[in-house]
Amino acid sequence: MSRIGKQPVVIPSGVDVVVTGNRVAVKGPHGELSHDAHPSMDVSYDADSREVRVQRPNDERENRALHGLTRSLINNMVTGVQQPFAKRLEVVGVGYQASLSGNVLSLQVGFANTVQLPIPEGVTCEVPAPTTIEVKSVDKQAVGQFAADIRNVRPPEPYKGKGIRFQGEHIRRKAGKAFASGS
């Protein structure tokens, strides 16, 4: 049995869950999300104990993998509508900066033109400082994907460390060319 999949998802107060067939809808103070579980997974909600349980039909490899995945996705939805997920990115480099205008994130990261990234629906973006970007949403996957898209505009390079990185990300530095002194 999957150690993750067999644990029930405890629903806190203030969060409502509706399970219809394989569709799980979660509504909370910060928004609402829905997910279609795989047809072979059996998702049930017990209103008395306020728990969502995921069952699998057999011990085939695919069903074992889907068991824990389905439970984790439902848990992330419950966590997200309660407290939105956030990722912070740092813009490192001389003259590198980010700005926000309406629903578009503008990045000046050493290219001839400013890179314009439209912010996806359901995701909010803040730029508290020109070198810091904060991405928030109730959907964990949307936060991670948009943060990765921002980072991929100019990933950090190993020689000077310039580029866009996640806050706290360690960049492995390389030594540059060392010129031998001639005698």
N, C-alpha and C. Protein backbone atom coordinates (compact mmCIF):
# COMPACT_ATOMS: atom_id res chain seq x y z
N MET A 1 0.85 -1.18 0.00
CA MET A 1 0.00 0.00 0.00
C MET A 1 0.89 1.24 0.00
N SER A 2 0.49 2.24 -0.73
CA SER A 2 1.25 3.47 -0.81
C SER A 2 1.20 4.19 0.54
N ARG A 3 2.36 4.59 1.05
CA ARG A 3 2.38 5.27 2.34
C ARG A 3 1.69 6.63 2.26
N ILE A 4 1.83 7.28 1.11
CA ILE A 4 1.18 8.59 0.95
C ILE A 4 -0.29 8.40 0.60
N GLY A 5 -0.56 7.48 -0.33
CA GLY A 5 -1.93 7.30 -0.82
C GLY A 5 -2.91 6.82 0.23
N LYS A 6 -2.44 6.04 1.22
CA LYS A 6 -3.37 5.51 2.21
C LYS A 6 -3.74 6.52 3.29
N GLN A 7 -2.99 7.61 3.40
CA GLN A 7 -3.32 8.63 4.40
C GLN A 7 -4.53 9.44 3.92
N PRO A 8 -5.48 9.71 4.79
CA PRO A 8 -6.61 10.55 4.39
C PRO A 8 -6.20 12.01 4.32
N VAL A 9 -6.89 12.78 3.47
CA VAL A 9 -6.68 14.22 3.40
C VAL A 9 -7.68 14.86 4.36
N VAL A 10 -7.18 15.46 5.43
CA VAL A 10 -8.04 16.07 6.44
C VAL A 10 -8.46 17.45 5.94
N ILE A 11 -9.76 17.71 5.95
CA ILE A 11 -10.30 18.98 5.46
C ILE A 11 -10.50 19.91 6.66
N PRO A 12 -9.79 21.05 6.70
CA PRO A 12 -9.94 21.99 7.81
C PRO A 12 -11.25 22.76 7.71
N SER A 13 -11.63 23.42 8.80
CA SER A 13 -12.86 24.21 8.76
C SER A 13 -12.65 25.40 7.85
N GLY A 14 -13.71 25.81 7.16
CA GLY A 14 -13.62 26.92 6.21
C GLY A 14 -13.36 26.45 4.79
N VAL A 15 -13.13 25.16 4.61
CA VAL A 15 -12.89 24.59 3.29
C VAL A 15 -14.00 23.60 2.98
N ASP A 16 -14.61 23.72 1.81
CA ASP A 16 -15.68 22.82 1.38
C ASP A 16 -15.18 21.93 0.25
N VAL A 17 -15.56 20.65 0.30
CA VAL A 17 -15.16 19.69 -0.72
C VAL A 17 -16.41 19.03 -1.27
N VAL A 18 -16.46 18.93 -2.61
CA VAL A 18 -17.56 18.22 -3.27
C VAL A 18 -16.94 17.19 -4.21
N VAL A 19 -17.30 15.91 -4.01
CA VAL A 19 -16.81 14.84 -4.88
C VAL A 19 -17.98 14.32 -5.69
N THR A 20 -17.88 14.46 -7.02
CA THR A 20 -18.92 13.95 -7.92
C THR A 20 -18.24 13.02 -8.92
N GLY A 21 -18.45 11.74 -8.74
CA GLY A 21 -17.76 10.77 -9.60
C GLY A 21 -16.27 10.85 -9.33
N ASN A 22 -15.51 11.21 -10.36
CA ASN A 22 -14.06 11.37 -10.19
C ASN A 22 -13.64 12.83 -10.15
N ARG A 23 -14.59 13.74 -10.12
CA ARG A 23 -14.28 15.17 -10.07
C ARG A 23 -14.30 15.63 -8.62
N VAL A 24 -13.20 16.27 -8.20
CA VAL A 24 -13.07 16.79 -6.85
C VAL A 24 -13.02 18.31 -6.95
N ALA A 25 -13.95 18.98 -6.28
CA ALA A 25 -13.98 20.45 -6.26
C ALA A 25 -13.74 20.91 -4.83
N VAL A 26 -12.80 21.83 -4.67
CA VAL A 26 -12.43 22.35 -3.35
C VAL A 26 -12.63 23.85 -3.36
N LYS A 27 -13.32 24.36 -2.33
CA LYS A 27 -13.59 25.79 -2.24
C LYS A 27 -13.16 26.27 -0.87
N GLY A 28 -12.40 27.36 -0.84
CA GLY A 28 -11.90 27.88 0.42
C GLY A 28 -11.88 29.39 0.43
N PRO A 29 -11.30 30.00 1.46
CA PRO A 29 -11.31 31.45 1.58
C PRO A 29 -10.52 32.18 0.49
N HIS A 30 -9.55 31.51 -0.16
CA HIS A 30 -8.71 32.19 -1.15
C HIS A 30 -9.05 31.82 -2.58
N GLY A 31 -10.04 30.95 -2.79
CA GLY A 31 -10.42 30.59 -4.16
C GLY A 31 -10.98 29.19 -4.22
N GLU A 32 -11.14 28.72 -5.45
CA GLU A 32 -11.65 27.37 -5.63
C GLU A 32 -10.91 26.68 -6.76
N LEU A 33 -10.75 25.37 -6.61
CA LEU A 33 -10.04 24.55 -7.59
C LEU A 33 -10.83 23.27 -7.82
N SER A 34 -10.63 22.68 -8.99
CA SER A 34 -11.25 21.38 -9.25
C SER A 34 -10.25 20.52 -10.01
N HIS A 35 -10.40 19.22 -9.86
CA HIS A 35 -9.49 18.27 -10.48
C HIS A 35 -10.25 17.02 -10.86
N ASP A 36 -9.97 16.49 -12.05
CA ASP A 36 -10.55 15.22 -12.48
C ASP A 36 -9.55 14.12 -12.17
N ALA A 37 -9.90 13.28 -11.21
CA ALA A 37 -9.02 12.17 -10.84
C ALA A 37 -9.03 11.12 -11.94
N HIS A 38 -8.01 10.30 -11.98
CA HIS A 38 -7.92 9.23 -12.98
C HIS A 38 -9.11 8.29 -12.79
N PRO A 39 -9.69 7.78 -13.89
CA PRO A 39 -10.89 6.93 -13.78
C PRO A 39 -10.70 5.68 -12.92
N SER A 40 -9.49 5.16 -12.81
CA SER A 40 -9.31 3.94 -12.02
C SER A 40 -9.22 4.22 -10.52
N MET A 41 -9.04 5.48 -10.12
CA MET A 41 -8.97 5.83 -8.70
C MET A 41 -10.36 6.09 -8.16
N ASP A 42 -10.61 5.63 -6.94
CA ASP A 42 -11.90 5.83 -6.29
C ASP A 42 -11.72 6.88 -5.19
N VAL A 43 -12.31 8.07 -5.39
CA VAL A 43 -12.18 9.17 -4.43
C VAL A 43 -13.50 9.28 -3.67
N SER A 44 -13.42 9.30 -2.33
CA SER A 44 -14.63 9.42 -1.52
C SER A 44 -14.42 10.46 -0.43
N TYR A 45 -15.51 11.16 -0.09
CA TYR A 45 -15.45 12.20 0.95
C TYR A 45 -16.41 11.82 2.06
N ASP A 46 -15.89 11.77 3.29
CA ASP A 46 -16.70 11.47 4.46
C ASP A 46 -16.97 12.80 5.18
N ALA A 47 -18.21 13.28 5.12
CA ALA A 47 -18.55 14.59 5.70
C ALA A 47 -18.48 14.58 7.23
N ASP A 48 -18.72 13.41 7.85
CA ASP A 48 -18.70 13.35 9.32
C ASP A 48 -17.28 13.55 9.87
N SER A 49 -16.32 12.82 9.31
CA SER A 49 -14.94 12.95 9.79
C SER A 49 -14.16 14.01 9.03
N ARG A 50 -14.77 14.61 8.00
CA ARG A 50 -14.14 15.64 7.16
C ARG A 50 -12.81 15.15 6.60
N GLU A 51 -12.88 13.99 5.91
CA GLU A 51 -11.70 13.40 5.30
C GLU A 51 -12.00 12.95 3.88
N VAL A 52 -11.02 13.12 3.00
CA VAL A 52 -11.09 12.60 1.64
C VAL A 52 -10.14 11.41 1.58
N ARG A 53 -10.64 10.29 1.07
CA ARG A 53 -9.82 9.08 0.94
C ARG A 53 -9.73 8.68 -0.53
N VAL A 54 -8.57 8.16 -0.91
CA VAL A 54 -8.35 7.68 -2.27
C VAL A 54 -8.05 6.18 -2.19
N GLN A 55 -8.78 5.39 -2.98
CA GLN A 55 -8.59 3.94 -3.03
C GLN A 55 -8.17 3.54 -4.44
N ARG A 56 -7.37 2.47 -4.54
CA ARG A 56 -6.98 1.97 -5.85
C ARG A 56 -7.57 0.57 -6.03
N PRO A 57 -7.83 0.18 -7.28
CA PRO A 57 -8.49 -1.11 -7.51
C PRO A 57 -7.59 -2.32 -7.28
N ASN A 58 -6.30 -2.21 -7.60
CA ASN A 58 -5.39 -3.35 -7.47
C ASN A 58 -3.96 -2.83 -7.29
N ASP A 59 -3.00 -3.74 -7.27
CA ASP A 59 -1.62 -3.37 -7.03
C ASP A 59 -0.77 -3.31 -8.29
N GLU A 60 -1.40 -3.03 -9.43
CA GLU A 60 -0.62 -2.86 -10.66
C GLU A 60 0.26 -1.62 -10.52
N ARG A 61 1.35 -1.61 -11.26
CA ARG A 61 2.33 -0.53 -11.16
C ARG A 61 1.71 0.85 -11.40
N GLU A 62 0.93 0.98 -12.46
CA GLU A 62 0.32 2.28 -12.78
C GLU A 62 -0.63 2.74 -11.67
N ASN A 63 -1.42 1.84 -11.15
CA ASN A 63 -2.36 2.20 -10.09
C ASN A 63 -1.65 2.56 -8.79
N ARG A 64 -0.53 1.91 -8.51
CA ARG A 64 0.24 2.28 -7.31
C ARG A 64 0.78 3.70 -7.46
N ALA A 65 1.24 4.05 -8.65
CA ALA A 65 1.77 5.39 -8.88
C ALA A 65 0.66 6.44 -8.81
N LEU A 66 -0.48 6.14 -9.40
CA LEU A 66 -1.60 7.09 -9.41
C LEU A 66 -2.21 7.28 -8.03
N HIS A 67 -2.10 6.29 -7.17
CA HIS A 67 -2.69 6.35 -5.84
C HIS A 67 -2.11 7.51 -5.03
N GLY A 68 -0.79 7.54 -4.90
CA GLY A 68 -0.14 8.61 -4.15
C GLY A 68 -0.25 9.95 -4.85
N LEU A 69 -0.18 9.94 -6.18
CA LEU A 69 -0.28 11.18 -6.95
C LEU A 69 -1.64 11.84 -6.74
N THR A 70 -2.70 11.07 -6.83
CA THR A 70 -4.05 11.61 -6.69
C THR A 70 -4.24 12.20 -5.29
N ARG A 71 -3.77 11.49 -4.28
CA ARG A 71 -3.89 11.99 -2.91
C ARG A 71 -3.10 13.28 -2.73
N SER A 72 -1.90 13.36 -3.30
CA SER A 72 -1.07 14.57 -3.19
C SER A 72 -1.71 15.75 -3.91
N LEU A 73 -2.29 15.52 -5.07
CA LEU A 73 -2.94 16.61 -5.81
C LEU A 73 -4.13 17.17 -5.03
N ILE A 74 -4.92 16.29 -4.41
CA ILE A 74 -6.06 16.74 -3.62
C ILE A 74 -5.57 17.50 -2.38
N ASN A 75 -4.52 17.01 -1.74
CA ASN A 75 -3.96 17.70 -0.58
C ASN A 75 -3.43 19.08 -0.96
N ASN A 76 -2.78 19.20 -2.12
CA ASN A 76 -2.29 20.50 -2.58
C ASN A 76 -3.43 21.47 -2.86
N MET A 77 -4.56 20.95 -3.37
CA MET A 77 -5.71 21.82 -3.61
C MET A 77 -6.25 22.35 -2.29
N VAL A 78 -6.37 21.47 -1.29
CA VAL A 78 -6.89 21.89 0.02
C VAL A 78 -5.94 22.91 0.67
N THR A 79 -4.64 22.65 0.58
CA THR A 79 -3.66 23.57 1.15
C THR A 79 -3.68 24.91 0.43
N GLY A 80 -3.81 24.89 -0.89
CA GLY A 80 -3.78 26.12 -1.69
C GLY A 80 -4.94 27.05 -1.45
N VAL A 81 -6.16 26.51 -1.31
CA VAL A 81 -7.31 27.39 -1.08
C VAL A 81 -7.31 27.93 0.33
N GLN A 82 -6.53 27.31 1.21
CA GLN A 82 -6.42 27.78 2.58
C GLN A 82 -5.33 28.85 2.68
N GLN A 83 -4.15 28.57 2.13
CA GLN A 83 -3.01 29.49 2.14
C GLN A 83 -2.34 29.40 0.76
N PRO A 84 -2.42 30.46 -0.07
CA PRO A 84 -1.87 30.39 -1.43
C PRO A 84 -0.37 30.06 -1.45
N PHE A 85 0.04 29.35 -2.50
CA PHE A 85 1.44 29.01 -2.69
C PHE A 85 2.17 30.22 -3.25
N ALA A 86 3.46 30.36 -2.92
CA ALA A 86 4.25 31.49 -3.40
C ALA A 86 5.67 31.04 -3.71
N LYS A 87 6.25 31.66 -4.72
CA LYS A 87 7.66 31.45 -5.05
C LYS A 87 8.27 32.82 -5.28
N ARG A 88 9.49 33.02 -4.77
CA ARG A 88 10.21 34.27 -4.97
C ARG A 88 11.40 34.01 -5.88
N LEU A 89 11.63 34.95 -6.80
CA LEU A 89 12.77 34.87 -7.69
C LEU A 89 13.61 36.12 -7.53
N GLU A 90 14.91 35.96 -7.72
CA GLU A 90 15.84 37.08 -7.64
C GLU A 90 16.43 37.33 -9.01
N VAL A 91 16.54 38.61 -9.39
CA VAL A 91 17.15 39.00 -10.65
C VAL A 91 18.53 39.53 -10.31
N VAL A 92 19.58 38.84 -10.76
CA VAL A 92 20.95 39.18 -10.39
C VAL A 92 21.72 39.60 -11.64
N GLY A 93 22.32 40.77 -11.59
CA GLY A 93 23.13 41.26 -12.70
C GLY A 93 23.06 42.77 -12.78
N VAL A 94 24.12 43.38 -13.26
CA VAL A 94 24.15 44.85 -13.37
C VAL A 94 23.14 45.28 -14.43
N GLY A 95 22.21 46.13 -14.03
CA GLY A 95 21.20 46.62 -14.96
C GLY A 95 20.03 45.67 -15.17
N TYR A 96 20.06 44.51 -14.58
CA TYR A 96 18.96 43.56 -14.72
C TYR A 96 17.85 43.99 -13.77
N GLN A 97 16.62 44.04 -14.28
CA GLN A 97 15.51 44.40 -13.42
C GLN A 97 14.19 43.90 -13.98
N ALA A 98 13.20 43.87 -13.12
CA ALA A 98 11.85 43.44 -13.49
C ALA A 98 10.87 44.55 -13.15
N SER A 99 9.80 44.64 -13.92
CA SER A 99 8.75 45.61 -13.63
C SER A 99 7.42 45.01 -14.03
N LEU A 100 6.37 45.54 -13.44
CA LEU A 100 5.03 45.02 -13.66
C LEU A 100 4.17 46.14 -14.22
N SER A 101 3.51 45.89 -15.35
CA SER A 101 2.60 46.88 -15.91
C SER A 101 1.32 46.16 -16.31
N GLY A 102 0.29 46.35 -15.48
CA GLY A 102 -0.98 45.67 -15.74
C GLY A 102 -0.84 44.18 -15.52
N ASN A 103 -1.11 43.42 -16.57
CA ASN A 103 -1.07 41.96 -16.49
C ASN A 103 0.14 41.40 -17.23
N VAL A 104 1.21 42.23 -17.35
CA VAL A 104 2.41 41.83 -18.08
C VAL A 104 3.64 42.07 -17.21
N LEU A 105 4.49 41.05 -17.12
CA LEU A 105 5.75 41.17 -16.40
C LEU A 105 6.83 41.50 -17.41
N SER A 106 7.55 42.60 -17.21
CA SER A 106 8.62 43.02 -18.11
C SER A 106 9.97 42.74 -17.47
N LEU A 107 10.83 42.09 -18.22
CA LEU A 107 12.16 41.73 -17.71
C LEU A 107 13.24 42.35 -18.60
N GLN A 108 14.14 43.10 -17.98
CA GLN A 108 15.31 43.62 -18.67
C GLN A 108 16.50 42.85 -18.15
N VAL A 109 16.94 41.87 -18.94
CA VAL A 109 17.98 40.96 -18.47
C VAL A 109 19.11 40.81 -19.49
N GLY A 110 19.55 41.91 -20.05
CA GLY A 110 20.72 41.88 -20.91
C GLY A 110 20.46 41.61 -22.37
N PHE A 111 19.22 41.49 -22.78
CA PHE A 111 18.91 41.32 -24.20
C PHE A 111 18.68 42.70 -24.81
N ALA A 112 18.66 42.77 -26.14
CA ALA A 112 18.44 44.05 -26.82
C ALA A 112 17.04 44.58 -26.52
N ASN A 113 16.08 43.69 -26.41
CA ASN A 113 14.70 44.09 -26.15
C ASN A 113 14.26 43.63 -24.77
N THR A 114 13.25 44.31 -24.23
CA THR A 114 12.65 43.90 -22.97
C THR A 114 11.79 42.67 -23.22
N VAL A 115 11.90 41.67 -22.36
CA VAL A 115 11.10 40.45 -22.49
C VAL A 115 9.78 40.67 -21.77
N GLN A 116 8.67 40.48 -22.48
CA GLN A 116 7.32 40.68 -21.93
C GLN A 116 6.69 39.30 -21.70
N LEU A 117 6.30 39.02 -20.45
CA LEU A 117 5.63 37.76 -20.13
C LEU A 117 4.22 38.04 -19.63
N PRO A 118 3.18 37.59 -20.35
CA PRO A 118 1.82 37.77 -19.83
C PRO A 118 1.60 36.86 -18.62
N ILE A 119 0.99 37.39 -17.58
CA ILE A 119 0.74 36.62 -16.36
C ILE A 119 -0.48 35.75 -16.59
N PRO A 120 -0.38 34.44 -16.35
CA PRO A 120 -1.51 33.54 -16.58
C PRO A 120 -2.68 33.84 -15.65
N GLU A 121 -3.85 33.42 -16.07
CA GLU A 121 -5.05 33.62 -15.27
C GLU A 121 -4.97 32.79 -14.00
N GLY A 122 -5.35 33.38 -12.88
CA GLY A 122 -5.31 32.69 -11.60
C GLY A 122 -4.00 32.85 -10.86
N VAL A 123 -3.02 33.51 -11.49
CA VAL A 123 -1.72 33.73 -10.87
C VAL A 123 -1.55 35.23 -10.66
N THR A 124 -1.07 35.61 -9.47
CA THR A 124 -0.76 37.02 -9.22
C THR A 124 0.75 37.15 -9.11
N CYS A 125 1.23 38.29 -9.55
CA CYS A 125 2.66 38.54 -9.56
C CYS A 125 2.91 39.90 -8.92
N GLU A 126 3.91 39.96 -8.06
CA GLU A 126 4.28 41.22 -7.42
C GLU A 126 5.77 41.45 -7.63
N VAL A 127 6.14 42.73 -7.74
CA VAL A 127 7.54 43.10 -7.85
C VAL A 127 7.83 44.10 -6.73
N PRO A 128 8.14 43.60 -5.50
CA PRO A 128 8.38 44.51 -4.38
C PRO A 128 9.64 45.35 -4.57
N ALA A 129 10.62 44.84 -5.29
CA ALA A 129 11.84 45.58 -5.61
C ALA A 129 12.19 45.23 -7.06
N PRO A 130 12.95 46.08 -7.75
CA PRO A 130 13.27 45.78 -9.16
C PRO A 130 14.03 44.47 -9.35
N THR A 131 14.63 43.94 -8.29
CA THR A 131 15.39 42.70 -8.42
C THR A 131 14.70 41.51 -7.75
N THR A 132 13.43 41.65 -7.37
CA THR A 132 12.70 40.57 -6.71
C THR A 132 11.33 40.40 -7.37
N ILE A 133 10.97 39.16 -7.66
CA ILE A 133 9.66 38.84 -8.24
C ILE A 133 9.00 37.82 -7.33
N GLU A 134 7.72 38.04 -7.01
CA GLU A 134 6.98 37.08 -6.18
C GLU A 134 5.75 36.61 -6.96
N VAL A 135 5.64 35.29 -7.11
CA VAL A 135 4.54 34.67 -7.85
C VAL A 135 3.66 33.94 -6.84
N LYS A 136 2.33 34.21 -6.88
CA LYS A 136 1.40 33.59 -5.93
C LYS A 136 0.18 33.05 -6.66
N SER A 137 -0.37 31.96 -6.13
CA SER A 137 -1.61 31.39 -6.64
C SER A 137 -2.07 30.28 -5.70
N VAL A 138 -3.36 29.92 -5.81
CA VAL A 138 -3.87 28.79 -5.03
C VAL A 138 -3.49 27.47 -5.70
N ASP A 139 -3.11 27.52 -6.98
CA ASP A 139 -2.74 26.32 -7.73
C ASP A 139 -1.23 26.15 -7.71
N LYS A 140 -0.76 25.12 -7.05
CA LYS A 140 0.68 24.89 -6.90
C LYS A 140 1.37 24.69 -8.25
N GLN A 141 0.72 23.97 -9.15
CA GLN A 141 1.31 23.71 -10.46
C GLN A 141 1.46 25.00 -11.25
N ALA A 142 0.47 25.90 -11.18
CA ALA A 142 0.53 27.16 -11.93
C ALA A 142 1.66 28.05 -11.41
N VAL A 143 1.86 28.07 -10.09
CA VAL A 143 2.94 28.87 -9.50
C VAL A 143 4.29 28.35 -9.98
N GLY A 144 4.49 27.04 -9.88
CA GLY A 144 5.75 26.45 -10.28
C GLY A 144 6.05 26.63 -11.75
N GLN A 145 5.02 26.48 -12.59
CA GLN A 145 5.22 26.59 -14.04
C GLN A 145 5.56 28.01 -14.45
N PHE A 146 4.84 29.01 -13.90
CA PHE A 146 5.12 30.40 -14.28
C PHE A 146 6.48 30.84 -13.74
N ALA A 147 6.83 30.39 -12.52
CA ALA A 147 8.14 30.73 -11.96
C ALA A 147 9.25 30.11 -12.82
N ALA A 148 9.04 28.89 -13.29
CA ALA A 148 10.03 28.24 -14.16
C ALA A 148 10.14 28.97 -15.50
N ASP A 149 9.00 29.45 -16.03
CA ASP A 149 9.01 30.21 -17.28
C ASP A 149 9.81 31.50 -17.12
N ILE A 150 9.63 32.17 -15.98
CA ILE A 150 10.39 33.40 -15.72
C ILE A 150 11.88 33.08 -15.64
N ARG A 151 12.24 32.04 -14.91
CA ARG A 151 13.64 31.66 -14.75
C ARG A 151 14.28 31.29 -16.08
N ASN A 152 13.52 30.64 -16.98
CA ASN A 152 14.05 30.21 -18.26
C ASN A 152 14.33 31.35 -19.22
N VAL A 153 13.84 32.55 -18.94
CA VAL A 153 14.16 33.71 -19.78
C VAL A 153 15.66 33.96 -19.74
N ARG A 154 16.26 33.89 -18.55
CA ARG A 154 17.70 34.07 -18.38
C ARG A 154 18.16 33.25 -17.18
N PRO A 155 18.41 31.94 -17.37
CA PRO A 155 18.86 31.12 -16.25
C PRO A 155 20.22 31.61 -15.74
N PRO A 156 20.51 31.40 -14.48
CA PRO A 156 21.80 31.87 -13.94
C PRO A 156 22.97 31.15 -14.61
N GLU A 157 24.00 31.92 -14.94
CA GLU A 157 25.16 31.31 -15.59
C GLU A 157 26.24 31.04 -14.54
N PRO A 158 27.10 30.04 -14.77
CA PRO A 158 28.00 29.58 -13.71
C PRO A 158 29.25 30.43 -13.48
N TYR A 159 29.55 31.38 -14.35
CA TYR A 159 30.79 32.13 -14.20
C TYR A 159 30.64 33.36 -13.32
N LYS A 160 29.64 34.19 -13.61
CA LYS A 160 29.42 35.38 -12.78
C LYS A 160 28.16 35.26 -11.92
N GLY A 161 27.32 34.27 -12.22
CA GLY A 161 26.11 34.08 -11.45
C GLY A 161 24.97 34.98 -11.87
N LYS A 162 25.11 35.66 -13.02
CA LYS A 162 24.06 36.57 -13.48
C LYS A 162 22.88 35.78 -14.03
N GLY A 163 21.68 36.33 -13.86
CA GLY A 163 20.49 35.70 -14.38
C GLY A 163 19.35 35.75 -13.37
N ILE A 164 18.32 34.97 -13.63
CA ILE A 164 17.16 34.92 -12.74
C ILE A 164 17.20 33.59 -12.02
N ARG A 165 17.14 33.62 -10.69
CA ARG A 165 17.20 32.40 -9.89
C ARG A 165 16.11 32.42 -8.83
N PHE A 166 15.77 31.22 -8.34
CA PHE A 166 14.85 31.11 -7.23
C PHE A 166 15.55 31.61 -5.98
N GLN A 167 14.80 32.18 -5.07
CA GLN A 167 15.40 32.68 -3.83
C GLN A 167 15.97 31.50 -3.06
N GLY A 168 17.22 31.62 -2.65
CA GLY A 168 17.88 30.56 -1.91
C GLY A 168 18.51 29.49 -2.78
N GLU A 169 18.37 29.59 -4.11
CA GLU A 169 18.95 28.59 -5.01
C GLU A 169 20.46 28.76 -5.04
N HIS A 170 21.18 27.66 -4.91
CA HIS A 170 22.64 27.71 -4.93
C HIS A 170 23.11 27.48 -6.36
N ILE A 171 23.92 28.39 -6.86
CA ILE A 171 24.47 28.27 -8.21
C ILE A 171 25.92 27.78 -8.09
N ARG A 172 26.21 26.67 -8.74
CA ARG A 172 27.59 26.17 -8.74
C ARG A 172 28.43 27.06 -9.61
N ARG A 173 29.43 27.66 -9.03
CA ARG A 173 30.28 28.59 -9.76
C ARG A 173 31.48 27.85 -10.36
N LYS A 174 31.90 28.32 -11.53
CA LYS A 174 33.08 27.78 -12.19
C LYS A 174 34.18 28.84 -12.17
N ALA A 175 35.40 28.38 -12.17
CA ALA A 175 36.52 29.32 -12.27
C ALA A 175 36.68 29.70 -13.72
N GLY A 176 36.98 30.96 -13.96
CA GLY A 176 37.19 31.41 -15.34
C GLY A 176 38.56 31.00 -15.82
N LYS A 177 38.93 31.49 -16.98
CA LYS A 177 40.25 31.17 -17.51
C LYS A 177 41.32 31.82 -16.66
N ALA A 178 42.32 31.07 -16.33
CA ALA A 178 43.44 31.61 -15.56
C ALA A 178 44.63 31.73 -16.52
N PHE A 179 45.16 32.93 -16.68
CA PHE A 179 46.27 33.14 -17.58
C PHE A 179 47.57 32.86 -16.84
N ALA A 180 48.39 32.03 -17.43
CA ALA A 180 49.69 31.70 -16.82
C ALA A 180 50.64 32.86 -17.04
N SER A 181 51.38 33.19 -16.02
CA SER A 181 52.32 34.29 -16.17
C SER A 181 53.59 33.76 -16.84
N GLY A 182 54.01 34.45 -17.88
CA GLY A 182 55.22 34.01 -18.60
C GLY A 182 56.47 34.56 -17.94
N SER A 183 57.52 33.71 -17.86
CA SER A 183 58.74 34.21 -17.22
C SER A 183 59.84 34.47 -18.20
